[in-house]
Amino acid sequence: MSEIICRRIDEQTPSEDGEGGERVLVDRVWPEGLRRQGAPLDEWLREAAPSIAAALVRPPPPAVR
């Protein structure tokens, strides 16, 4: 069984930290300030990201007192 590790795009790549594997971006919008050419990614799967409508339907965070 394969293991999936979630990381931010600005964290080390698997080859930098000694782990193997591919690096896939799952987001509908390309990260601001990151060039597509030379990005530390193997693939960009924008279709697999949650829809914008689903993100807007989230319940609001609990009130802070």
N, C-alpha and C. Protein backbone atom coordinates (compact mmCIF):
# COMPACT_ATOMS: atom_id res chain seq x y z
N MET A 1 0.85 -1.18 0.00
CA MET A 1 0.00 0.00 0.00
C MET A 1 0.90 1.25 0.00
N SER A 2 0.53 2.22 -0.78
CA SER A 2 1.30 3.46 -0.88
C SER A 2 0.95 4.42 0.24
N GLU A 3 1.91 5.24 0.60
CA GLU A 3 1.70 6.25 1.63
C GLU A 3 1.60 7.62 0.96
N ILE A 4 0.65 8.41 1.41
CA ILE A 4 0.49 9.77 0.88
C ILE A 4 0.91 10.74 1.98
N ILE A 5 1.82 11.63 1.64
CA ILE A 5 2.28 12.65 2.59
C ILE A 5 1.89 14.00 2.03
N CYS A 6 1.17 14.79 2.81
CA CYS A 6 0.76 16.13 2.39
C CYS A 6 1.79 17.15 2.85
N ARG A 7 2.18 18.01 1.93
CA ARG A 7 3.17 19.05 2.23
C ARG A 7 2.79 20.33 1.51
N ARG A 8 3.29 21.42 2.03
CA ARG A 8 3.14 22.70 1.35
C ARG A 8 4.15 22.76 0.21
N ILE A 9 3.85 23.56 -0.80
CA ILE A 9 4.72 23.63 -1.96
C ILE A 9 6.09 24.24 -1.63
N ASP A 10 6.15 25.04 -0.56
CA ASP A 10 7.42 25.68 -0.21
C ASP A 10 8.28 24.83 0.73
N GLU A 11 7.84 23.60 1.05
CA GLU A 11 8.64 22.70 1.88
C GLU A 11 9.62 21.92 1.00
N GLN A 12 10.52 21.18 1.64
CA GLN A 12 11.52 20.41 0.91
C GLN A 12 10.87 19.40 -0.02
N THR A 13 11.55 19.14 -1.13
CA THR A 13 11.07 18.11 -2.05
C THR A 13 11.47 16.75 -1.50
N PRO A 14 10.79 15.67 -1.93
CA PRO A 14 11.14 14.34 -1.43
C PRO A 14 12.61 13.98 -1.65
N SER A 15 13.20 14.42 -2.75
CA SER A 15 14.61 14.10 -2.99
C SER A 15 15.53 14.87 -2.05
N GLU A 16 15.11 16.05 -1.61
CA GLU A 16 15.92 16.84 -0.68
C GLU A 16 15.93 16.27 0.72
N ASP A 17 14.82 15.63 1.13
CA ASP A 17 14.77 15.10 2.49
C ASP A 17 15.00 13.59 2.54
N GLY A 18 15.40 12.99 1.41
CA GLY A 18 15.76 11.58 1.40
C GLY A 18 14.62 10.62 1.14
N GLU A 19 13.42 11.12 0.88
CA GLU A 19 12.29 10.26 0.58
C GLU A 19 12.06 10.23 -0.92
N GLY A 20 11.58 9.11 -1.42
CA GLY A 20 11.27 9.01 -2.84
C GLY A 20 9.84 9.43 -3.09
N GLY A 21 9.45 9.39 -4.34
CA GLY A 21 8.06 9.68 -4.66
C GLY A 21 7.91 10.85 -5.60
N GLU A 22 6.66 11.11 -5.94
CA GLU A 22 6.33 12.22 -6.83
C GLU A 22 5.74 13.36 -6.03
N ARG A 23 5.81 14.54 -6.60
CA ARG A 23 5.24 15.73 -5.96
C ARG A 23 4.15 16.27 -6.88
N VAL A 24 2.91 16.31 -6.36
CA VAL A 24 1.75 16.70 -7.16
C VAL A 24 1.05 17.87 -6.49
N LEU A 25 0.78 18.92 -7.23
CA LEU A 25 0.04 20.08 -6.73
C LEU A 25 -1.44 19.83 -6.98
N VAL A 26 -2.25 19.87 -5.91
CA VAL A 26 -3.70 19.70 -6.03
C VAL A 26 -4.34 21.00 -5.57
N ASP A 27 -4.52 21.91 -6.50
CA ASP A 27 -5.10 23.22 -6.22
C ASP A 27 -5.66 23.76 -7.53
N ARG A 28 -6.75 24.49 -7.46
CA ARG A 28 -7.34 25.04 -8.68
C ARG A 28 -6.56 26.24 -9.21
N VAL A 29 -5.89 26.95 -8.34
CA VAL A 29 -5.18 28.18 -8.72
C VAL A 29 -3.68 27.96 -8.50
N TRP A 30 -2.87 28.41 -9.46
CA TRP A 30 -1.42 28.30 -9.33
C TRP A 30 -0.95 29.20 -8.19
N PRO A 31 -0.04 28.73 -7.33
CA PRO A 31 0.44 29.53 -6.20
C PRO A 31 1.11 30.83 -6.65
N GLU A 32 0.73 31.90 -6.01
CA GLU A 32 1.28 33.22 -6.33
C GLU A 32 2.76 33.26 -5.98
N GLY A 33 3.54 33.86 -6.84
CA GLY A 33 4.97 34.02 -6.59
C GLY A 33 5.81 32.81 -6.98
N LEU A 34 5.21 31.79 -7.59
CA LEU A 34 5.94 30.60 -7.99
C LEU A 34 5.88 30.47 -9.51
N ARG A 35 7.02 30.35 -10.12
CA ARG A 35 7.07 30.19 -11.57
C ARG A 35 6.75 28.75 -11.95
N ARG A 36 5.99 28.59 -12.99
CA ARG A 36 5.63 27.23 -13.43
C ARG A 36 6.85 26.49 -13.96
N GLN A 37 7.71 27.22 -14.65
CA GLN A 37 8.92 26.61 -15.18
C GLN A 37 9.91 26.46 -14.04
N GLY A 38 10.35 25.27 -13.78
CA GLY A 38 11.31 25.04 -12.71
C GLY A 38 10.67 24.80 -11.35
N ALA A 39 9.33 24.74 -11.28
CA ALA A 39 8.65 24.46 -10.01
C ALA A 39 8.97 23.03 -9.58
N PRO A 40 9.13 22.80 -8.28
CA PRO A 40 9.49 21.46 -7.80
C PRO A 40 8.29 20.51 -7.80
N LEU A 41 7.69 20.29 -8.98
CA LEU A 41 6.49 19.46 -9.09
C LEU A 41 6.64 18.46 -10.22
N ASP A 42 5.95 17.33 -10.07
CA ASP A 42 5.88 16.35 -11.13
C ASP A 42 4.59 16.50 -11.93
N GLU A 43 3.55 17.02 -11.27
CA GLU A 43 2.25 17.13 -11.93
C GLU A 43 1.37 18.15 -11.21
N TRP A 44 0.44 18.77 -11.95
CA TRP A 44 -0.53 19.71 -11.38
C TRP A 44 -1.92 19.16 -11.67
N LEU A 45 -2.65 18.73 -10.64
CA LEU A 45 -3.97 18.14 -10.81
C LEU A 45 -5.04 19.11 -10.30
N ARG A 46 -5.33 20.15 -11.06
CA ARG A 46 -6.32 21.12 -10.62
C ARG A 46 -7.72 20.52 -10.59
N GLU A 47 -7.98 19.50 -11.42
CA GLU A 47 -9.31 18.87 -11.44
C GLU A 47 -9.60 18.10 -10.15
N ALA A 48 -8.57 17.69 -9.42
CA ALA A 48 -8.75 16.91 -8.19
C ALA A 48 -8.98 17.80 -6.97
N ALA A 49 -8.79 19.10 -7.12
CA ALA A 49 -8.96 20.03 -6.00
C ALA A 49 -10.44 20.27 -5.73
N PRO A 50 -10.78 20.60 -4.49
CA PRO A 50 -12.19 20.92 -4.19
C PRO A 50 -12.65 22.11 -5.02
N SER A 51 -13.92 22.12 -5.36
CA SER A 51 -14.44 23.23 -6.15
C SER A 51 -14.49 24.49 -5.29
N ILE A 52 -14.53 25.63 -5.93
CA ILE A 52 -14.61 26.90 -5.22
C ILE A 52 -15.92 26.97 -4.46
N ALA A 53 -17.01 26.46 -5.05
CA ALA A 53 -18.31 26.47 -4.37
C ALA A 53 -18.25 25.66 -3.08
N ALA A 54 -17.57 24.51 -3.10
CA ALA A 54 -17.45 23.69 -1.89
C ALA A 54 -16.66 24.43 -0.82
N ALA A 55 -15.66 25.18 -1.22
CA ALA A 55 -14.87 25.93 -0.26
C ALA A 55 -15.68 27.04 0.39
N LEU A 56 -16.61 27.62 -0.36
CA LEU A 56 -17.43 28.71 0.16
C LEU A 56 -18.55 28.22 1.08
N VAL A 57 -18.86 26.94 1.04
CA VAL A 57 -19.96 26.38 1.83
C VAL A 57 -19.51 25.98 3.24
N ARG A 58 -18.21 26.02 3.49
CA ARG A 58 -17.71 25.63 4.81
C ARG A 58 -18.40 26.42 5.91
N PRO A 59 -18.66 25.77 7.05
CA PRO A 59 -19.27 26.52 8.15
C PRO A 59 -18.27 27.53 8.71
N PRO A 60 -18.75 28.65 9.24
CA PRO A 60 -17.83 29.65 9.77
C PRO A 60 -17.14 29.10 11.02
N PRO A 61 -15.93 29.60 11.32
CA PRO A 61 -15.22 29.13 12.51
C PRO A 61 -15.99 29.56 13.77
N PRO A 62 -15.80 28.83 14.89
CA PRO A 62 -16.50 29.20 16.11
C PRO A 62 -16.07 30.59 16.59
N ALA A 63 -17.01 31.29 17.23
CA ALA A 63 -16.73 32.64 17.71
C ALA A 63 -15.68 32.60 18.83
N VAL A 64 -14.80 33.57 18.82
CA VAL A 64 -13.76 33.68 19.83
C VAL A 64 -14.22 34.69 20.87
N ARG A 65 -14.13 34.32 22.13
CA ARG A 65 -14.56 35.24 23.19
C ARG A 65 -13.39 35.82 23.88
